[in-house]
Amino acid sequence: MQPASVLILPGLGNSGPAHWQTHWQAEHGYRRVEQTNWDQPQLADWLTTLQHAITARNSGVVLVAHSLACSLVAHYGQAHPERVLGAFLVSPADVDCQQRTPEETRCFSPIPLAPLPFPAHVVVSSDDPYVDAARAEFFAQRWGAGFTDIGCHGHINAASGLGAWPEGHAQFRACLAQWGLA
């Protein structure tokens, strides 16, 4: 069996040079899925881009999603789960909540709440401005995913000051091992 390819899925606005996703891409050779429009996302376009990225791989894939991309994974899992071997979902933005997320993310609503057809793990910060930790735990329960609250780290992005976030990568590697992919 070929090893799984890891695809990095940034959220709204992409992940800049100080974001842990960018560090993981550079340090571990993971591939970033490049969306056409990071600032005015359209669910159908993002789904198509993700589908192309997955079918271009010669192996199954593991998705590492942040923020809005967690909703993308939930939508994708309902339509095309066959090559996805697992998903690591960090800071799932609550696109159903107008008080928590910007209007341009609303086209990703409603967030699918059916169990994901592949193993997944949700990581959240207890003070994330884009999702209440209890709501993120609800997503994890509905998706059949594991759940970790890492304490107060904002949106678990560059502004959180986590750098390459080695603790997060260790948790990701532990998930891969648990899923039989490491």
Protein backbone atom coordinates (compact mmCIF):
# COMPACT_ATOMS: atom_id res chain seq x y z
CA MET A 1 0.00 0.00 0.00
CA GLN A 2 1.31 3.44 -0.93
CA PRO A 3 1.55 5.99 1.87
CA ALA A 4 -1.23 8.55 2.02
CA SER A 5 -0.71 12.00 0.55
CA VAL A 6 -1.34 14.85 2.97
CA LEU A 7 -3.25 17.80 1.55
CA ILE A 8 -3.26 21.15 3.36
CA LEU A 9 -6.61 22.96 3.13
CA PRO A 10 -6.44 26.60 4.29
CA GLY A 11 -9.55 28.58 5.08
CA LEU A 12 -10.74 32.04 4.11
CA GLY A 13 -7.85 34.25 2.99
CA ASN A 14 -5.37 31.33 2.71
CA SER A 15 -2.68 30.63 5.31
CA GLY A 16 0.20 33.09 5.25
CA PRO A 17 3.93 32.49 5.82
CA ALA A 18 3.68 32.44 9.65
CA HIS A 19 0.72 30.01 9.75
CA TRP A 20 1.36 26.47 11.01
CA GLN A 21 -0.11 25.05 7.78
CA THR A 22 2.60 26.82 5.79
CA HIS A 23 5.26 25.53 8.19
CA TRP A 24 3.94 21.97 7.89
CA GLN A 25 3.92 22.25 4.11
CA ALA A 26 7.56 23.40 4.05
CA GLU A 27 8.85 21.09 6.79
CA HIS A 28 6.99 17.91 5.90
CA GLY A 29 6.41 18.18 2.15
CA TYR A 30 2.62 18.28 2.36
CA ARG A 31 0.76 19.71 -0.62
CA ARG A 32 -1.46 22.78 -0.38
CA VAL A 33 -4.72 22.83 -2.29
CA GLU A 34 -4.73 26.24 -4.01
CA GLN A 35 -8.17 27.75 -4.37
CA THR A 36 -8.85 30.25 -7.15
CA ASN A 37 -10.41 32.84 -4.85
CA TRP A 38 -9.37 32.82 -1.21
CA ASP A 39 -11.29 35.96 -0.25
CA GLN A 40 -14.70 35.40 -1.89
CA PRO A 41 -15.06 31.62 -1.60
CA GLN A 42 -17.74 29.71 -3.44
CA LEU A 43 -18.50 26.26 -2.10
CA ALA A 44 -18.99 24.67 -5.54
CA ASP A 45 -15.65 26.06 -6.77
CA TRP A 46 -13.77 24.96 -3.66
CA LEU A 47 -15.31 21.47 -3.88
CA THR A 48 -14.27 21.15 -7.53
CA THR A 49 -10.72 22.28 -6.76
CA LEU A 50 -10.51 19.80 -3.88
CA GLN A 51 -11.86 17.00 -6.09
CA HIS A 52 -9.19 17.73 -8.74
CA ALA A 53 -6.44 17.79 -6.11
CA ILE A 54 -7.54 14.45 -4.68
CA THR A 55 -7.92 12.69 -8.02
CA ALA A 56 -4.47 13.96 -9.07
CA ARG A 57 -2.84 11.98 -6.24
CA ASN A 58 -1.65 8.41 -6.81
CA SER A 59 -2.75 7.37 -3.33
CA GLY A 60 -5.43 7.98 -0.78
CA VAL A 61 -5.30 11.34 0.96
CA VAL A 62 -5.42 12.75 4.45
CA LEU A 63 -6.85 16.25 4.71
CA VAL A 64 -5.47 18.86 7.12
CA ALA A 65 -8.10 21.59 7.20
CA HIS A 66 -8.26 24.91 9.02
CA SER A 67 -11.27 27.12 9.70
CA LEU A 68 -13.60 27.41 6.69
CA ALA A 69 -11.93 24.39 5.09
CA CYS A 70 -13.36 22.18 7.86
CA SER A 71 -16.82 22.89 6.42
CA LEU A 72 -15.41 22.14 2.98
CA VAL A 73 -14.31 18.71 4.24
CA ALA A 74 -17.73 18.04 5.78
CA HIS A 75 -19.42 18.89 2.46
CA TYR A 76 -16.87 16.87 0.48
CA GLY A 77 -17.31 13.84 2.71
CA GLN A 78 -21.00 13.69 1.84
CA ALA A 79 -20.32 13.58 -1.90
CA HIS A 80 -16.91 12.02 -2.65
CA PRO A 81 -15.42 10.21 0.35
CA GLU A 82 -13.83 7.30 -1.49
CA ARG A 83 -10.17 8.47 -1.57
CA VAL A 84 -10.14 10.31 1.76
CA LEU A 85 -8.44 8.23 4.44
CA GLY A 86 -8.78 10.74 7.29
CA ALA A 87 -9.17 14.39 8.21
CA PHE A 88 -7.49 16.59 10.84
CA LEU A 89 -9.89 19.50 11.34
CA VAL A 90 -8.54 22.55 13.19
CA SER A 91 -10.69 25.46 14.37
CA PRO A 92 -13.85 24.71 12.35
CA ALA A 93 -15.38 28.13 11.65
CA ASP A 94 -19.07 28.18 12.54
CA VAL A 95 -20.40 29.38 9.18
CA ASP A 96 -23.96 28.90 10.46
CA CYS A 97 -23.46 31.70 13.02
CA GLN A 98 -23.62 35.25 11.67
CA GLN A 99 -22.10 36.64 14.88
CA ARG A 100 -19.01 34.44 14.57
CA THR A 101 -18.14 34.37 10.86
CA PRO A 102 -18.16 36.86 7.97
CA GLU A 103 -20.86 37.00 5.32
CA GLU A 104 -18.57 35.67 2.56
CA THR A 105 -18.47 32.29 4.34
CA ARG A 106 -22.24 31.87 4.46
CA CYS A 107 -22.33 29.89 1.18
CA PHE A 108 -20.72 27.00 3.14
CA SER A 109 -23.79 26.87 5.39
CA PRO A 110 -25.45 24.76 6.59
CA ILE A 111 -22.57 22.74 7.93
CA PRO A 112 -23.24 19.05 7.19
CA LEU A 113 -23.73 17.19 10.45
CA ALA A 114 -23.85 13.62 9.16
CA PRO A 115 -21.09 11.27 10.34
CA LEU A 116 -17.99 11.55 8.19
CA PRO A 117 -17.29 8.39 6.19
CA PHE A 118 -13.62 8.46 7.20
CA PRO A 119 -11.80 8.92 10.52
CA ALA A 120 -11.42 12.51 11.69
CA HIS A 121 -10.22 14.56 14.63
CA VAL A 122 -11.30 18.10 15.57
CA VAL A 123 -8.93 20.47 17.40
CA VAL A 124 -10.26 23.68 18.91
CA SER A 125 -9.15 26.54 21.11
CA SER A 126 -11.37 27.47 24.04
CA ASP A 127 -11.27 31.17 23.06
CA ASP A 128 -11.64 30.88 19.27
CA PRO A 129 -13.56 33.92 18.01
CA TYR A 130 -14.96 31.99 15.02
CA VAL A 131 -16.43 29.01 16.87
CA ASP A 132 -17.58 28.39 20.41
CA ALA A 133 -15.69 25.39 21.84
CA ALA A 134 -18.97 23.65 22.77
CA ARG A 135 -20.21 24.09 19.19
CA ALA A 136 -16.94 22.64 17.83
CA GLU A 137 -17.35 19.68 20.17
CA PHE A 138 -20.91 19.27 18.84
CA PHE A 139 -19.50 19.16 15.29
CA ALA A 140 -16.99 16.51 16.34
CA GLN A 141 -19.71 14.39 17.95
CA ARG A 142 -21.97 14.60 14.92
CA TRP A 143 -19.08 13.86 12.53
CA GLY A 144 -17.99 10.87 14.64
CA ALA A 145 -14.62 12.55 15.14
CA GLY A 146 -12.21 12.71 18.03
CA PHE A 147 -12.00 16.04 19.85
CA THR A 148 -9.27 18.06 21.57
CA ASP A 149 -9.51 21.51 23.19
CA ILE A 150 -5.97 22.92 23.42
CA GLY A 151 -6.87 25.80 25.73
CA CYS A 152 -6.67 29.51 24.93
CA HIS A 153 -4.97 29.90 21.54
CA GLY A 154 -7.42 32.06 19.58
CA HIS A 155 -8.16 30.79 16.08
CA ILE A 156 -5.09 28.51 16.06
CA ASN A 157 -3.57 30.59 13.29
CA ALA A 158 -0.52 32.83 12.79
CA ALA A 159 -1.90 35.38 15.27
CA SER A 160 -1.92 32.66 17.93
CA GLY A 161 1.89 32.70 17.97
CA LEU A 162 2.20 28.92 17.65
CA GLY A 163 4.78 29.05 14.86
CA ALA A 164 5.17 25.59 13.34
CA TRP A 165 2.92 24.23 16.13
CA PRO A 166 4.96 21.08 16.80
CA GLU A 167 2.44 19.92 19.42
CA GLY A 168 -0.27 20.01 16.76
CA HIS A 169 1.88 18.06 14.34
CA ALA A 170 2.58 15.45 17.02
CA GLN A 171 -1.16 15.15 17.57
CA PHE A 172 -1.70 14.83 13.81
CA ARG A 173 0.93 12.06 13.64
CA ALA A 174 -0.77 10.31 16.58
CA CYS A 175 -4.07 10.44 14.66
CA LEU A 176 -2.40 8.93 11.59
CA ALA A 177 -1.08 6.10 13.75
CA GLN A 178 -4.50 5.58 15.34
CA TRP A 179 -6.07 5.44 11.88
CA GLY A 180 -3.47 2.90 10.71
CA LEU A 181 -1.85 5.35 8.29
CA ALA A 182 1.58 5.85 9.88
